[in-house]
Amino acid sequence: MLLSAIAIDAHHSFTAEFDMQKPVRLKGILTRLDFSNPHAHFFLDVRDPGGRVTQWVIEAASPNGLLRRGFTKQTVAEGTEVIIDAYQSRTSPHKASARDIILPGGNIFLLGTFSEHSK
């Protein structure tokens, strides 16, 4: 029973960590893709209008969930400019929960972890 309490505590609620009322569109260079459980993470270098680069951490669905949607670690190479639509973190200014990714050429993949992402 103690182990199940630890597992429940380790996994967060979407609405506790992210704000659906604060969507963000991030255009930047994919610097790293971490395909590990419980969530995949995209690391994106985003340049602001002043030219300053900020690294964003974008949380996505589980690697298995992404694979079922046709997205693999080889779908997009590091160094590629992408657009990620996401929801802002409530606590971290440069963290978000992914909704989808738009690749060069226009292909769109659903990355989200929350059912509202598909709306």
Protein backbone atom coordinates (compact mmCIF):
# COMPACT_ATOMS: atom_id res chain seq x y z
CA MET A 1 0.00 0.00 0.00
CA LEU A 2 2.88 2.36 0.74
CA LEU A 3 4.26 1.85 -2.78
CA SER A 4 0.93 2.76 -4.39
CA ALA A 5 0.79 5.97 -2.36
CA ILE A 6 4.25 6.91 -3.63
CA ALA A 7 3.27 6.22 -7.24
CA ILE A 8 0.12 8.33 -6.95
CA ASP A 9 2.05 11.17 -5.38
CA ALA A 10 4.71 11.04 -8.09
CA HIS A 11 2.23 11.62 -10.91
CA HIS A 12 0.72 15.09 -11.07
CA SER A 13 -2.67 16.41 -12.08
CA PHE A 14 -2.71 18.33 -15.37
CA THR A 15 -4.85 21.15 -13.96
CA ALA A 16 -2.71 21.43 -10.83
CA GLU A 17 0.43 22.05 -12.88
CA PHE A 18 -0.79 23.63 -16.15
CA ASP A 19 -3.31 26.35 -17.02
CA MET A 20 -5.64 25.68 -19.97
CA GLN A 21 -6.55 29.38 -19.92
CA LYS A 22 -2.93 30.21 -20.88
CA PRO A 23 -2.17 28.62 -24.24
CA VAL A 24 1.25 29.34 -25.72
CA ARG A 25 2.61 28.90 -29.23
CA LEU A 26 6.34 28.29 -29.21
CA LYS A 27 8.46 28.44 -32.35
CA GLY A 28 12.00 27.31 -31.84
CA ILE A 29 14.78 24.82 -32.40
CA LEU A 30 14.35 21.33 -30.96
CA THR A 31 17.55 20.76 -28.98
CA ARG A 32 16.64 17.49 -27.27
CA LEU A 33 13.84 14.93 -27.14
CA ASP A 34 13.66 12.78 -24.03
CA PHE A 35 11.56 9.68 -24.72
CA SER A 36 11.23 8.34 -21.17
CA ASN A 37 8.34 7.53 -18.85
CA PRO A 38 6.06 8.78 -17.52
CA HIS A 39 6.14 11.67 -20.04
CA ALA A 40 8.27 12.49 -23.06
CA HIS A 41 9.90 15.92 -22.91
CA PHE A 42 10.79 18.27 -25.75
CA PHE A 43 13.51 20.86 -25.13
CA LEU A 44 13.07 23.90 -27.33
CA ASP A 45 15.29 26.97 -27.77
CA VAL A 46 12.92 29.89 -28.37
CA ARG A 47 14.22 33.28 -29.51
CA ASP A 48 12.30 36.32 -28.22
CA PRO A 49 11.84 39.50 -30.32
CA GLY A 50 15.00 40.95 -28.72
CA GLY A 51 17.08 37.99 -29.88
CA ARG A 52 17.52 36.37 -26.45
CA VAL A 53 17.22 32.56 -26.48
CA THR A 54 15.33 30.79 -23.72
CA GLN A 55 15.10 27.03 -23.33
CA TRP A 56 11.58 25.73 -22.80
CA VAL A 57 10.74 22.28 -21.43
CA ILE A 58 7.59 20.89 -23.01
CA GLU A 59 5.95 17.89 -21.36
CA ALA A 60 4.12 15.50 -23.70
CA ALA A 61 2.26 12.20 -23.47
CA SER A 62 4.08 8.99 -22.57
CA PRO A 63 6.46 7.58 -25.18
CA ASN A 64 4.03 4.69 -25.72
CA GLY A 65 1.16 7.13 -26.26
CA LEU A 66 3.20 9.05 -28.81
CA LEU A 67 4.16 5.84 -30.61
CA ARG A 68 0.47 4.88 -30.90
CA ARG A 69 -0.12 8.25 -32.59
CA GLY A 70 2.68 7.62 -35.09
CA PHE A 71 5.27 9.88 -33.46
CA THR A 72 8.66 8.25 -32.86
CA LYS A 73 11.96 9.64 -31.68
CA GLN A 74 13.02 9.66 -35.34
CA THR A 75 10.00 11.73 -36.51
CA VAL A 76 11.88 14.99 -36.01
CA ALA A 77 15.63 15.53 -35.77
CA GLU A 78 17.30 17.65 -33.13
CA GLY A 79 18.21 21.00 -34.66
CA THR A 80 14.89 21.26 -36.53
CA GLU A 81 12.72 24.36 -36.16
CA VAL A 82 9.23 23.36 -34.99
CA ILE A 83 6.10 24.99 -33.60
CA ILE A 84 4.57 23.57 -30.44
CA ASP A 85 1.16 24.62 -29.17
CA ALA A 86 0.96 24.05 -25.44
CA TYR A 87 -0.43 25.19 -22.09
CA GLN A 88 1.69 27.29 -19.74
CA SER A 89 2.89 25.88 -16.43
CA ARG A 90 1.38 27.47 -13.33
CA THR A 91 4.75 27.46 -11.56
CA SER A 92 7.56 27.58 -14.14
CA PRO A 93 7.79 30.41 -16.67
CA HIS A 94 9.51 28.25 -19.31
CA LYS A 95 7.63 24.99 -18.96
CA ALA A 96 4.45 23.90 -20.70
CA SER A 97 2.29 20.88 -21.46
CA ALA A 98 2.17 20.06 -25.17
CA ARG A 99 -0.99 19.98 -27.23
CA ASP A 100 0.53 19.44 -30.67
CA ILE A 101 3.61 19.95 -32.78
CA ILE A 102 3.81 21.35 -36.30
CA LEU A 103 6.78 20.09 -38.28
CA PRO A 104 8.43 21.71 -41.31
CA GLY A 105 6.22 20.83 -44.26
CA GLY A 106 3.07 21.15 -42.17
CA ASN A 107 2.66 17.70 -40.60
CA ILE A 108 0.89 17.98 -37.23
CA PHE A 109 1.11 15.42 -34.42
CA LEU A 110 -0.99 15.41 -31.25
CA LEU A 111 1.44 15.32 -28.32
CA GLY A 112 -0.91 16.10 -25.44
CA THR A 113 -1.49 14.27 -22.22
CA PHE A 114 -4.90 15.70 -21.42
CA SER A 115 -8.10 14.88 -23.34
CA GLU A 116 -8.90 18.58 -23.79
CA HIS A 117 -5.82 18.84 -26.04
CA SER A 118 -7.74 17.22 -28.87
CA LYS A 119 -10.38 19.95 -28.97
